[in-house]
């Protein structure tokens, strides 16, 4: 076996690889929360001075930001599609006088929720009698589940790598006493 010992501590390359992969899984899980764990809300109110305003609020697990703009800036909402080999992904984009504003910085599966959100926004713009619109897209639950799976599997891999290393060292000490 190819093991190296440093003053009573033995490194097994197999356990080092298992622990490294486990750590990588934990980091990927945390990264998923940072990147995809967001809730986006768009709230427009025609009675809000001056002359009707919209607030686009993005809330992640660790931060929140708001962007206010006039309803008059908003032309329509569209569903942007990214075509891929593994399937299509979607996001809602607001078409404004200043350019396009994506509700999320990423594409995700599930076109129906995105189409429903775009339809709500477009109906609000079409019918002046509708005073408010509130649209919410929340990816926090799905990303939390995925992050939990990745981090949990990684933590288990790390745990078993350390446990096996400790057991190996205990067995080695027992052999040395005999």
C-alpha atoms as a PDB file:
ATOM      1  CA  UNK A   1       0.000   0.000   0.000  1.00  0.00           C
ATOM      2  CA  UNK A   2       1.130   3.498  -0.744  1.00  0.00           C
ATOM      3  CA  UNK A   3       0.605   5.250   2.595  1.00  0.00           C
ATOM      4  CA  UNK A   4       2.738   7.957   4.115  1.00  0.00           C
ATOM      5  CA  UNK A   5       3.096   8.475   7.853  1.00  0.00           C
ATOM      6  CA  UNK A   6       3.931  11.764   9.543  1.00  0.00           C
ATOM      7  CA  UNK A   7       4.444  11.410  13.309  1.00  0.00           C
ATOM      8  CA  UNK A   8       1.573   9.016  13.889  1.00  0.00           C
ATOM      9  CA  UNK A   9      -0.719  10.475  11.213  1.00  0.00           C
ATOM     10  CA  UNK A  10      -1.140   8.343   8.118  1.00  0.00           C
ATOM     11  CA  UNK A  11      -2.354   9.670   4.788  1.00  0.00           C
ATOM     12  CA  UNK A  12      -4.088   7.166   2.567  1.00  0.00           C
ATOM     13  CA  UNK A  13      -4.275   8.480  -1.025  1.00  0.00           C
ATOM     14  CA  UNK A  14      -7.706   6.896  -1.489  1.00  0.00           C
ATOM     15  CA  UNK A  15      -9.079   8.740   1.539  1.00  0.00           C
ATOM     16  CA  UNK A  16      -7.383  11.955   0.469  1.00  0.00           C
ATOM     17  CA  UNK A  17      -9.138  11.725  -2.916  1.00  0.00           C
ATOM     18  CA  UNK A  18     -12.479  10.874  -1.272  1.00  0.00           C
ATOM     19  CA  UNK A  19     -12.120  13.815   1.113  1.00  0.00           C
ATOM     20  CA  UNK A  20     -11.169  16.161  -1.736  1.00  0.00           C
ATOM     21  CA  UNK A  21     -14.187  15.136  -3.791  1.00  0.00           C
ATOM     22  CA  UNK A  22     -16.374  15.548  -0.701  1.00  0.00           C
ATOM     23  CA  UNK A  23     -15.044  19.056  -0.142  1.00  0.00           C
ATOM     24  CA  UNK A  24     -15.709  19.866  -3.801  1.00  0.00           C
ATOM     25  CA  UNK A  25     -19.336  18.715  -3.411  1.00  0.00           C
ATOM     26  CA  UNK A  26     -19.783  20.921  -0.328  1.00  0.00           C
ATOM     27  CA  UNK A  27     -18.402  23.945  -2.199  1.00  0.00           C
ATOM     28  CA  UNK A  28     -20.650  23.277  -5.215  1.00  0.00           C
ATOM     29  CA  UNK A  29     -23.650  23.099  -2.879  1.00  0.00           C
ATOM     30  CA  UNK A  30     -22.794  26.456  -1.339  1.00  0.00           C
ATOM     31  CA  UNK A  31     -22.222  27.901  -4.817  1.00  0.00           C
ATOM     32  CA  UNK A  32     -25.690  26.764  -5.897  1.00  0.00           C
ATOM     33  CA  UNK A  33     -27.206  28.788  -3.071  1.00  0.00           C
ATOM     34  CA  UNK A  34     -25.250  31.892  -4.042  1.00  0.00           C
ATOM     35  CA  UNK A  35     -26.035  31.687  -7.752  1.00  0.00           C
ATOM     36  CA  UNK A  36     -29.549  30.247  -8.008  1.00  0.00           C
ATOM     37  CA  UNK A  37     -31.146  30.872  -4.623  1.00  0.00           C
ATOM     38  CA  UNK A  38     -33.128  33.971  -5.565  1.00  0.00           C
ATOM     39  CA  UNK A  39     -36.624  35.360  -5.326  1.00  0.00           C
ATOM     40  CA  UNK A  40     -37.542  38.052  -7.836  1.00  0.00           C
ATOM     41  CA  UNK A  41     -40.634  40.208  -7.445  1.00  0.00           C
ATOM     42  CA  UNK A  42     -42.001  42.899  -9.707  1.00  0.00           C
ATOM     43  CA  UNK A  43     -44.587  45.202  -8.205  1.00  0.00           C
ATOM     44  CA  UNK A  44     -46.188  47.950 -10.268  1.00  0.00           C
ATOM     45  CA  UNK A  45     -48.730  50.433  -8.932  1.00  0.00           C
ATOM     46  CA  UNK A  46     -50.386  53.064 -11.145  1.00  0.00           C
ATOM     47  CA  UNK A  47     -51.419  55.144  -8.105  1.00  0.00           C
ATOM     48  CA  UNK A  48     -47.872  55.367  -6.725  1.00  0.00           C
ATOM     49  CA  UNK A  49     -46.447  58.828  -7.376  1.00  0.00           C
ATOM     50  CA  UNK A  50     -44.945  60.119  -9.554  1.00  0.00           C
ATOM     51  CA  UNK A  51     -47.207  58.826 -12.357  1.00  0.00           C
ATOM     52  CA  UNK A  52     -47.006  55.140 -11.506  1.00  0.00           C
ATOM     53  CA  UNK A  53     -43.917  53.226 -10.492  1.00  0.00           C
ATOM     54  CA  UNK A  54     -42.581  49.690 -10.613  1.00  0.00           C
ATOM     55  CA  UNK A  55     -40.174  48.095  -8.165  1.00  0.00           C
ATOM     56  CA  UNK A  56     -38.058  45.128  -9.221  1.00  0.00           C
ATOM     57  CA  UNK A  57     -36.763  43.420  -6.073  1.00  0.00           C
ATOM     58  CA  UNK A  58     -34.194  40.615  -6.143  1.00  0.00           C
ATOM     59  CA  UNK A  59     -33.623  38.750  -2.888  1.00  0.00           C
ATOM     60  CA  UNK A  60     -31.020  36.024  -2.538  1.00  0.00           C
ATOM     61  CA  UNK A  61     -30.077  33.969   0.483  1.00  0.00           C
ATOM     62  CA  UNK A  62     -27.526  36.599   1.455  1.00  0.00           C
ATOM     63  CA  UNK A  63     -28.505  39.947  -0.109  1.00  0.00           C
ATOM     64  CA  UNK A  64     -31.316  42.067  -1.502  1.00  0.00           C
ATOM     65  CA  UNK A  65     -31.486  44.838  -4.095  1.00  0.00           C
ATOM     66  CA  UNK A  66     -34.211  47.025  -5.572  1.00  0.00           C
ATOM     67  CA  UNK A  67     -34.612  48.844  -8.860  1.00  0.00           C
ATOM     68  CA  UNK A  68     -37.379  51.446  -9.279  1.00  0.00           C
ATOM     69  CA  UNK A  69     -38.608  52.655 -12.664  1.00  0.00           C
ATOM     70  CA  UNK A  70     -41.679  54.337 -14.135  1.00  0.00           C
ATOM     71  CA  UNK A  71     -44.455  52.216 -15.620  1.00  0.00           C
ATOM     72  CA  UNK A  72     -44.190  54.387 -18.747  1.00  0.00           C
ATOM     73  CA  UNK A  73     -40.694  52.899 -19.286  1.00  0.00           C
ATOM     74  CA  UNK A  74     -42.117  49.379 -19.503  1.00  0.00           C
ATOM     75  CA  UNK A  75     -43.182  48.289 -23.000  1.00  0.00           C
ATOM     76  CA  UNK A  76     -43.872  44.571 -22.519  1.00  0.00           C
ATOM     77  CA  UNK A  77     -42.624  41.338 -20.979  1.00  0.00           C
ATOM     78  CA  UNK A  78     -41.338  38.393 -22.999  1.00  0.00           C
ATOM     79  CA  UNK A  79     -40.112  34.899 -22.219  1.00  0.00           C
ATOM     80  CA  UNK A  80     -36.533  34.475 -23.398  1.00  0.00           C
ATOM     81  CA  UNK A  81     -35.589  30.917 -24.391  1.00  0.00           C
ATOM     82  CA  UNK A  82     -32.140  29.360 -24.315  1.00  0.00           C
ATOM     83  CA  UNK A  83     -32.041  26.310 -26.564  1.00  0.00           C
ATOM     84  CA  UNK A  84     -29.725  23.559 -25.374  1.00  0.00           C
ATOM     85  CA  UNK A  85     -28.902  19.942 -26.100  1.00  0.00           C
ATOM     86  CA  UNK A  86     -30.305  18.874 -22.717  1.00  0.00           C
ATOM     87  CA  UNK A  87     -33.516  20.861 -23.173  1.00  0.00           C
ATOM     88  CA  UNK A  88     -34.692  24.428 -23.267  1.00  0.00           C
ATOM     89  CA  UNK A  89     -34.493  26.850 -20.352  1.00  0.00           C
ATOM     90  CA  UNK A  90     -36.362  30.106 -19.822  1.00  0.00           C
ATOM     91  CA  UNK A  91     -36.394  33.494 -18.137  1.00  0.00           C
ATOM     92  CA  UNK A  92     -38.663  36.542 -18.127  1.00  0.00           C
ATOM     93  CA  UNK A  93     -37.302  39.707 -19.729  1.00  0.00           C
ATOM     94  CA  UNK A  94     -38.819  43.172 -19.378  1.00  0.00           C
ATOM     95  CA  UNK A  95     -38.570  45.230 -22.556  1.00  0.00           C
ATOM     96  CA  UNK A  96     -38.129  48.868 -21.506  1.00  0.00           C
ATOM     97  CA  UNK A  97     -37.323  52.134 -23.252  1.00  0.00           C
ATOM     98  CA  UNK A  98     -33.814  51.859 -21.778  1.00  0.00           C
ATOM     99  CA  UNK A  99     -33.246  48.288 -22.981  1.00  0.00           C
ATOM    100  CA  UNK A 100     -34.016  44.768 -21.865  1.00  0.00           C
ATOM    101  CA  UNK A 101     -34.008  43.872 -18.169  1.00  0.00           C
ATOM    102  CA  UNK A 102     -33.945  40.171 -17.284  1.00  0.00           C
ATOM    103  CA  UNK A 103     -35.767  39.297 -14.075  1.00  0.00           C
ATOM    104  CA  UNK A 104     -33.056  36.726 -13.322  1.00  0.00           C
ATOM    105  CA  UNK A 105     -29.451  36.561 -14.438  1.00  0.00           C
ATOM    106  CA  UNK A 106     -29.875  32.904 -15.359  1.00  0.00           C
ATOM    107  CA  UNK A 107     -32.207  30.625 -17.298  1.00  0.00           C
ATOM    108  CA  UNK A 108     -34.135  27.833 -15.592  1.00  0.00           C
ATOM    109  CA  UNK A 109     -36.549  25.077 -16.520  1.00  0.00           C
ATOM    110  CA  UNK A 110     -40.314  25.413 -16.373  1.00  0.00           C
ATOM    111  CA  UNK A 111     -41.733  27.609 -19.101  1.00  0.00           C
ATOM    112  CA  UNK A 112     -45.273  27.762 -17.688  1.00  0.00           C
ATOM    113  CA  UNK A 113     -44.379  29.868 -14.627  1.00  0.00           C
ATOM    114  CA  UNK A 114     -42.391  32.273 -16.790  1.00  0.00           C
ATOM    115  CA  UNK A 115     -45.175  32.547 -19.388  1.00  0.00           C
ATOM    116  CA  UNK A 116     -47.726  33.182 -16.644  1.00  0.00           C
ATOM    117  CA  UNK A 117     -45.566  35.975 -15.193  1.00  0.00           C
ATOM    118  CA  UNK A 118     -45.089  37.591 -18.622  1.00  0.00           C
ATOM    119  CA  UNK A 119     -48.840  37.331 -19.314  1.00  0.00           C
ATOM    120  CA  UNK A 120     -49.669  39.034 -15.992  1.00  0.00           C
ATOM    121  CA  UNK A 121     -47.318  41.917 -16.761  1.00  0.00           C
ATOM    122  CA  UNK A 122     -48.614  42.311 -20.317  1.00  0.00           C
ATOM    123  CA  UNK A 123     -52.255  42.269 -19.131  1.00  0.00           C
ATOM    124  CA  UNK A 124     -51.425  45.012 -16.626  1.00  0.00           C
ATOM    125  CA  UNK A 125     -49.869  47.124 -19.385  1.00  0.00           C
ATOM    126  CA  UNK A 126     -52.795  46.526 -21.741  1.00  0.00           C
ATOM    127  CA  UNK A 127     -55.629  47.356 -19.323  1.00  0.00           C
ATOM    128  CA  UNK A 128     -55.323  50.759 -17.661  1.00  0.00           C
ATOM    129  CA  UNK A 129     -58.149  49.866 -15.276  1.00  0.00           C
ATOM    130  CA  UNK A 130     -55.864  47.369 -13.525  1.00  0.00           C
ATOM    131  CA  UNK A 131     -54.177  49.428 -10.799  1.00  0.00           C
ATOM    132  CA  UNK A 132     -51.509  46.982  -9.624  1.00  0.00           C
ATOM    133  CA  UNK A 133     -49.611  43.896 -10.648  1.00  0.00           C
ATOM    134  CA  UNK A 134     -47.469  41.683  -8.456  1.00  0.00           C
ATOM    135  CA  UNK A 135     -45.318  38.965 -10.031  1.00  0.00           C
ATOM    136  CA  UNK A 136     -43.038  36.678  -8.058  1.00  0.00           C
ATOM    137  CA  UNK A 137     -40.540  34.068  -9.262  1.00  0.00           C
ATOM    138  CA  UNK A 138     -38.983  32.091  -6.412  1.00  0.00           C
ATOM    139  CA  UNK A 139     -36.157  29.608  -7.052  1.00  0.00           C
ATOM    140  CA  UNK A 140     -34.980  29.400  -3.436  1.00  0.00           C
ATOM    141  CA  UNK A 141     -36.712  26.141  -2.536  1.00  0.00           C
ATOM    142  CA  UNK A 142     -35.401  24.191  -5.529  1.00  0.00           C
ATOM    143  CA  UNK A 143     -31.881  25.565  -5.175  1.00  0.00           C
ATOM    144  CA  UNK A 144     -31.909  24.874  -1.427  1.00  0.00           C
ATOM    145  CA  UNK A 145     -32.836  21.242  -2.062  1.00  0.00           C
ATOM    146  CA  UNK A 146     -30.096  20.857  -4.667  1.00  0.00           C
ATOM    147  CA  UNK A 147     -27.555  22.642  -2.460  1.00  0.00           C
ATOM    148  CA  UNK A 148     -28.546  20.451   0.476  1.00  0.00           C
ATOM    149  CA  UNK A 149     -28.095  17.295  -1.570  1.00  0.00           C
ATOM    150  CA  UNK A 150     -24.675  18.325  -2.866  1.00  0.00           C
ATOM    151  CA  UNK A 151     -23.463  19.583   0.507  1.00  0.00           C
ATOM    152  CA  UNK A 152     -24.891  16.590   2.369  1.00  0.00           C
ATOM    153  CA  UNK A 153     -23.262  14.065   0.060  1.00  0.00           C
ATOM    154  CA  UNK A 154     -19.997  15.990   0.250  1.00  0.00           C
ATOM    155  CA  UNK A 155     -20.127  16.175   4.039  1.00  0.00           C
ATOM    156  CA  UNK A 156     -20.732  12.411   4.233  1.00  0.00           C
ATOM    157  CA  UNK A 157     -17.790  11.759   1.926  1.00  0.00           C
ATOM    158  CA  UNK A 158     -15.564  13.969   4.084  1.00  0.00           C
ATOM    159  CA  UNK A 159     -16.829  12.323   7.267  1.00  0.00           C
ATOM    160  CA  UNK A 160     -16.143   8.789   6.037  1.00  0.00           C
ATOM    161  CA  UNK A 161     -12.719   9.750   4.692  1.00  0.00           C
ATOM    162  CA  UNK A 162     -11.719  11.175   8.088  1.00  0.00           C
ATOM    163  CA  UNK A 163     -13.352   8.277   9.961  1.00  0.00           C
ATOM    164  CA  UNK A 164     -11.495   5.659   7.923  1.00  0.00           C
ATOM    165  CA  UNK A 165      -8.203   7.501   8.433  1.00  0.00           C
ATOM    166  CA  UNK A 166      -8.782   7.630  12.209  1.00  0.00           C
ATOM    167  CA  UNK A 167      -9.734   3.928  12.325  1.00  0.00           C
ATOM    168  CA  UNK A 168      -6.640   3.033  10.312  1.00  0.00           C
ATOM    169  CA  UNK A 169      -4.432   4.966  12.751  1.00  0.00           C
ATOM    170  CA  UNK A 170      -6.061   3.253  15.760  1.00  0.00           C
ATOM    171  CA  UNK A 171      -5.530  -0.182  14.180  1.00  0.00           C
ATOM    172  CA  UNK A 172      -1.928   0.681  13.481  1.00  0.00           C
ATOM    173  CA  UNK A 173      -1.338   1.721  17.111  1.00  0.00           C
ATOM    174  CA  UNK A 174      -2.866  -1.559  18.342  1.00  0.00           C
ATOM    175  CA  UNK A 175      -0.556  -3.541  16.028  1.00  0.00           C
ATOM    176  CA  UNK A 176       2.448  -1.608  17.332  1.00  0.00           C
ATOM    177  CA  UNK A 177       1.574  -2.522  20.959  1.00  0.00           C
ATOM    178  CA  UNK A 178       1.288  -6.257  20.162  1.00  0.00           C
END
